[in-house]
Amino acid sequence: MVKLRLFSALRDIAGAKEVGVDGDRLSIKEALDKFAAKYGEKARNALFDKQGELLPSVLLLVNGESAGQGGATQVASGDTVQVLLPTAGG
């Protein structure tokens, strides 16, 4: 199981700061797609564009290290993916 550590709107959508996604040797994008399938359209719209690509504004870390953009980085059972969305405020 891959852990997703959620921040901002995703935490509100899931109702938790951390959720598990079943699978091993997934890309981050695949893990986030499973998350969106479980938590619905709000989750999908927060993470993906209309073509199903991960939004470039989504910041991803795997076990505390930058995972770059696009979600292609592979993760394994036991890994933690931190998913940060941009926030606005002043």
N, C-alpha and C. Protein backbone atom coordinates (compact mmCIF):
# COMPACT_ATOMS: atom_id res chain seq x y z
N MET A 1 0.84 -1.18 0.00
CA MET A 1 0.00 0.00 0.00
C MET A 1 0.89 1.25 0.00
N VAL A 2 0.54 2.19 -0.86
CA VAL A 2 1.23 3.47 -0.94
C VAL A 2 0.43 4.47 -0.12
N LYS A 3 1.10 5.24 0.74
CA LYS A 3 0.42 6.25 1.53
C LYS A 3 0.47 7.58 0.80
N LEU A 4 -0.67 8.26 0.77
CA LEU A 4 -0.74 9.61 0.25
C LEU A 4 -0.95 10.55 1.42
N ARG A 5 -0.02 11.45 1.62
CA ARG A 5 -0.15 12.47 2.67
C ARG A 5 -0.71 13.71 1.99
N LEU A 6 -1.87 14.13 2.45
CA LEU A 6 -2.65 15.16 1.76
C LEU A 6 -2.58 16.50 2.49
N PHE A 7 -2.66 17.56 1.69
CA PHE A 7 -2.64 18.91 2.23
C PHE A 7 -3.76 19.72 1.57
N SER A 8 -4.11 20.80 2.16
CA SER A 8 -5.09 21.78 1.69
C SER A 8 -6.39 21.12 1.24
N ALA A 9 -6.87 21.43 0.03
CA ALA A 9 -8.18 20.97 -0.43
C ALA A 9 -8.30 19.45 -0.45
N LEU A 10 -7.22 18.74 -0.77
CA LEU A 10 -7.30 17.27 -0.81
C LEU A 10 -7.58 16.69 0.56
N ARG A 11 -7.04 17.30 1.60
CA ARG A 11 -7.30 16.85 2.96
C ARG A 11 -8.78 17.01 3.28
N ASP A 12 -9.36 18.14 2.85
CA ASP A 12 -10.79 18.37 3.07
C ASP A 12 -11.64 17.37 2.28
N ILE A 13 -11.26 17.11 1.05
CA ILE A 13 -12.02 16.19 0.19
C ILE A 13 -12.01 14.78 0.78
N ALA A 14 -10.86 14.33 1.24
CA ALA A 14 -10.73 12.96 1.77
C ALA A 14 -11.20 12.85 3.22
N GLY A 15 -11.21 13.97 3.93
CA GLY A 15 -11.58 13.93 5.35
C GLY A 15 -10.50 13.31 6.21
N ALA A 16 -9.28 13.30 5.70
CA ALA A 16 -8.15 12.72 6.43
C ALA A 16 -6.86 13.34 5.92
N LYS A 17 -5.83 13.32 6.76
CA LYS A 17 -4.56 13.87 6.30
C LYS A 17 -3.70 12.83 5.60
N GLU A 18 -4.10 11.56 5.71
CA GLU A 18 -3.35 10.49 5.05
C GLU A 18 -4.32 9.39 4.66
N VAL A 19 -4.14 8.87 3.43
CA VAL A 19 -4.96 7.74 2.97
C VAL A 19 -4.03 6.74 2.29
N GLY A 20 -4.48 5.50 2.21
CA GLY A 20 -3.71 4.45 1.54
C GLY A 20 -4.30 4.14 0.18
N VAL A 21 -3.42 3.81 -0.75
CA VAL A 21 -3.83 3.39 -2.09
C VAL A 21 -3.23 2.01 -2.32
N ASP A 22 -4.08 1.05 -2.67
CA ASP A 22 -3.60 -0.31 -2.92
C ASP A 22 -2.75 -0.35 -4.18
N GLY A 23 -1.68 -1.10 -4.09
CA GLY A 23 -0.82 -1.30 -5.25
C GLY A 23 0.64 -1.23 -4.88
N ASP A 24 1.46 -1.73 -5.77
CA ASP A 24 2.90 -1.73 -5.61
C ASP A 24 3.49 -1.51 -7.00
N ARG A 25 4.54 -0.74 -7.07
CA ARG A 25 5.17 -0.39 -8.35
C ARG A 25 4.20 0.36 -9.26
N LEU A 26 3.58 1.39 -8.68
CA LEU A 26 2.69 2.27 -9.42
C LEU A 26 3.43 3.56 -9.75
N SER A 27 3.01 4.25 -10.79
CA SER A 27 3.48 5.62 -10.95
C SER A 27 2.66 6.47 -9.97
N ILE A 28 3.19 7.63 -9.62
CA ILE A 28 2.43 8.52 -8.75
C ILE A 28 1.11 8.87 -9.42
N LYS A 29 1.14 9.10 -10.72
CA LYS A 29 -0.09 9.43 -11.45
C LYS A 29 -1.12 8.32 -11.29
N GLU A 30 -0.70 7.06 -11.38
CA GLU A 30 -1.63 5.94 -11.21
C GLU A 30 -2.20 5.92 -9.79
N ALA A 31 -1.36 6.18 -8.81
CA ALA A 31 -1.83 6.22 -7.42
C ALA A 31 -2.84 7.34 -7.22
N LEU A 32 -2.56 8.51 -7.80
CA LEU A 32 -3.48 9.63 -7.67
C LEU A 32 -4.77 9.40 -8.45
N ASP A 33 -4.68 8.67 -9.55
CA ASP A 33 -5.89 8.32 -10.29
C ASP A 33 -6.78 7.41 -9.45
N LYS A 34 -6.19 6.47 -8.74
CA LYS A 34 -6.96 5.60 -7.84
C LYS A 34 -7.61 6.43 -6.73
N PHE A 35 -6.85 7.39 -6.19
CA PHE A 35 -7.39 8.29 -5.16
C PHE A 35 -8.59 9.04 -5.72
N ALA A 36 -8.45 9.62 -6.91
CA ALA A 36 -9.53 10.40 -7.52
C ALA A 36 -10.75 9.52 -7.82
N ALA A 37 -10.52 8.29 -8.23
CA ALA A 37 -11.64 7.38 -8.50
C ALA A 37 -12.44 7.12 -7.22
N LYS A 38 -11.76 7.06 -6.10
CA LYS A 38 -12.43 6.80 -4.82
C LYS A 38 -13.12 8.05 -4.28
N TYR A 39 -12.49 9.23 -4.44
CA TYR A 39 -13.00 10.44 -3.79
C TYR A 39 -13.76 11.37 -4.72
N GLY A 40 -13.89 11.03 -5.97
CA GLY A 40 -14.82 11.73 -6.83
C GLY A 40 -14.28 12.90 -7.64
N GLU A 41 -15.23 13.59 -8.25
CA GLU A 41 -14.93 14.64 -9.21
C GLU A 41 -14.13 15.79 -8.61
N LYS A 42 -14.42 16.16 -7.37
CA LYS A 42 -13.65 17.24 -6.73
C LYS A 42 -12.17 16.88 -6.65
N ALA A 43 -11.88 15.66 -6.28
CA ALA A 43 -10.49 15.20 -6.21
C ALA A 43 -9.86 15.20 -7.59
N ARG A 44 -10.59 14.69 -8.58
CA ARG A 44 -10.05 14.63 -9.94
C ARG A 44 -9.77 16.04 -10.47
N ASN A 45 -10.68 16.97 -10.26
CA ASN A 45 -10.49 18.34 -10.75
C ASN A 45 -9.35 19.06 -10.04
N ALA A 46 -9.08 18.69 -8.80
CA ALA A 46 -7.98 19.31 -8.05
C ALA A 46 -6.62 18.82 -8.54
N LEU A 47 -6.58 17.63 -9.15
CA LEU A 47 -5.32 17.00 -9.52
C LEU A 47 -5.04 16.96 -11.02
N PHE A 48 -6.08 16.80 -11.84
CA PHE A 48 -5.91 16.51 -13.25
C PHE A 48 -6.58 17.55 -14.14
N ASP A 49 -6.01 17.74 -15.34
CA ASP A 49 -6.65 18.60 -16.33
C ASP A 49 -7.69 17.78 -17.11
N LYS A 50 -8.34 18.40 -18.07
CA LYS A 50 -9.41 17.73 -18.82
C LYS A 50 -8.90 16.57 -19.68
N GLN A 51 -7.61 16.57 -19.99
CA GLN A 51 -7.02 15.47 -20.76
C GLN A 51 -6.52 14.33 -19.87
N GLY A 52 -6.69 14.48 -18.55
CA GLY A 52 -6.26 13.44 -17.63
C GLY A 52 -4.81 13.52 -17.22
N GLU A 53 -4.16 14.63 -17.55
CA GLU A 53 -2.76 14.83 -17.15
C GLU A 53 -2.72 15.53 -15.80
N LEU A 54 -1.73 15.18 -15.01
CA LEU A 54 -1.56 15.81 -13.71
C LEU A 54 -1.28 17.30 -13.90
N LEU A 55 -1.97 18.13 -13.14
CA LEU A 55 -1.76 19.58 -13.25
C LEU A 55 -0.32 19.93 -12.87
N PRO A 56 0.31 20.83 -13.62
CA PRO A 56 1.70 21.19 -13.32
C PRO A 56 1.88 21.91 -11.99
N SER A 57 0.80 22.42 -11.43
CA SER A 57 0.88 23.14 -10.16
C SER A 57 0.92 22.19 -8.95
N VAL A 58 0.67 20.90 -9.16
CA VAL A 58 0.68 19.92 -8.06
C VAL A 58 2.13 19.59 -7.71
N LEU A 59 2.50 19.80 -6.46
CA LEU A 59 3.85 19.51 -5.97
C LEU A 59 3.85 18.13 -5.34
N LEU A 60 4.80 17.28 -5.77
CA LEU A 60 4.87 15.90 -5.30
C LEU A 60 6.22 15.60 -4.65
N LEU A 61 6.17 14.96 -3.51
CA LEU A 61 7.37 14.48 -2.82
C LEU A 61 7.18 13.00 -2.53
N VAL A 62 8.23 12.22 -2.67
CA VAL A 62 8.20 10.80 -2.30
C VAL A 62 9.20 10.61 -1.17
N ASN A 63 8.68 10.19 -0.04
CA ASN A 63 9.52 10.00 1.15
C ASN A 63 10.37 11.23 1.43
N GLY A 64 9.76 12.41 1.22
CA GLY A 64 10.42 13.68 1.54
C GLY A 64 11.31 14.24 0.45
N GLU A 65 11.45 13.54 -0.68
CA GLU A 65 12.31 13.99 -1.78
C GLU A 65 11.45 14.40 -2.98
N SER A 66 11.85 15.45 -3.67
CA SER A 66 11.10 15.93 -4.82
C SER A 66 10.94 14.82 -5.86
N ALA A 67 9.71 14.72 -6.39
CA ALA A 67 9.42 13.71 -7.40
C ALA A 67 9.26 14.33 -8.78
N GLY A 68 9.54 15.61 -8.92
CA GLY A 68 9.39 16.26 -10.21
C GLY A 68 7.93 16.42 -10.58
N GLN A 69 7.67 16.72 -11.83
CA GLN A 69 6.30 16.95 -12.28
C GLN A 69 5.84 15.82 -13.19
N GLY A 70 4.55 15.72 -13.33
CA GLY A 70 3.97 14.77 -14.27
C GLY A 70 3.55 13.45 -13.66
N GLY A 71 4.07 13.10 -12.49
CA GLY A 71 3.64 11.89 -11.82
C GLY A 71 4.20 10.59 -12.35
N ALA A 72 5.28 10.66 -13.14
CA ALA A 72 5.84 9.43 -13.72
C ALA A 72 6.68 8.63 -12.73
N THR A 73 7.13 9.24 -11.65
CA THR A 73 7.97 8.55 -10.67
C THR A 73 7.25 7.31 -10.13
N GLN A 74 7.96 6.20 -10.08
CA GLN A 74 7.42 4.95 -9.56
C GLN A 74 7.49 4.93 -8.04
N VAL A 75 6.43 4.40 -7.42
CA VAL A 75 6.40 4.25 -5.97
C VAL A 75 6.05 2.80 -5.64
N ALA A 76 6.50 2.37 -4.48
CA ALA A 76 6.28 0.99 -4.06
C ALA A 76 5.53 0.98 -2.74
N SER A 77 5.02 -0.17 -2.40
CA SER A 77 4.34 -0.35 -1.13
C SER A 77 5.26 0.12 0.00
N GLY A 78 4.70 0.92 0.91
CA GLY A 78 5.48 1.47 2.02
C GLY A 78 5.97 2.89 1.77
N ASP A 79 5.96 3.34 0.51
CA ASP A 79 6.35 4.71 0.21
C ASP A 79 5.25 5.68 0.64
N THR A 80 5.66 6.90 0.96
CA THR A 80 4.72 7.98 1.25
C THR A 80 4.88 9.07 0.22
N VAL A 81 3.77 9.42 -0.42
CA VAL A 81 3.75 10.50 -1.40
C VAL A 81 3.05 11.69 -0.76
N GLN A 82 3.74 12.80 -0.67
CA GLN A 82 3.14 14.03 -0.17
C GLN A 82 2.61 14.79 -1.38
N VAL A 83 1.33 15.19 -1.30
CA VAL A 83 0.66 15.85 -2.43
C VAL A 83 0.23 17.23 -1.97
N LEU A 84 0.86 18.25 -2.54
CA LEU A 84 0.58 19.62 -2.15
C LEU A 84 -0.02 20.38 -3.33
N LEU A 85 -1.11 21.05 -3.05
CA LEU A 85 -1.77 21.89 -4.05
C LEU A 85 -1.44 23.34 -3.75
N PRO A 86 -1.42 24.18 -4.78
CA PRO A 86 -1.20 25.60 -4.51
C PRO A 86 -2.36 26.19 -3.73
N THR A 87 -2.07 27.13 -2.88
CA THR A 87 -3.12 27.80 -2.13
C THR A 87 -3.03 29.29 -2.40
N ALA A 88 -4.14 29.94 -2.26
CA ALA A 88 -4.17 31.38 -2.47
C ALA A 88 -4.56 32.03 -1.15
N GLY A 89 -4.16 33.22 -1.00
CA GLY A 89 -4.51 33.95 0.22
C GLY A 89 -3.69 35.20 0.32
N GLY A 90 -3.95 35.93 1.33
CA GLY A 90 -3.20 37.17 1.43
C GLY A 90 -3.10 37.71 2.79
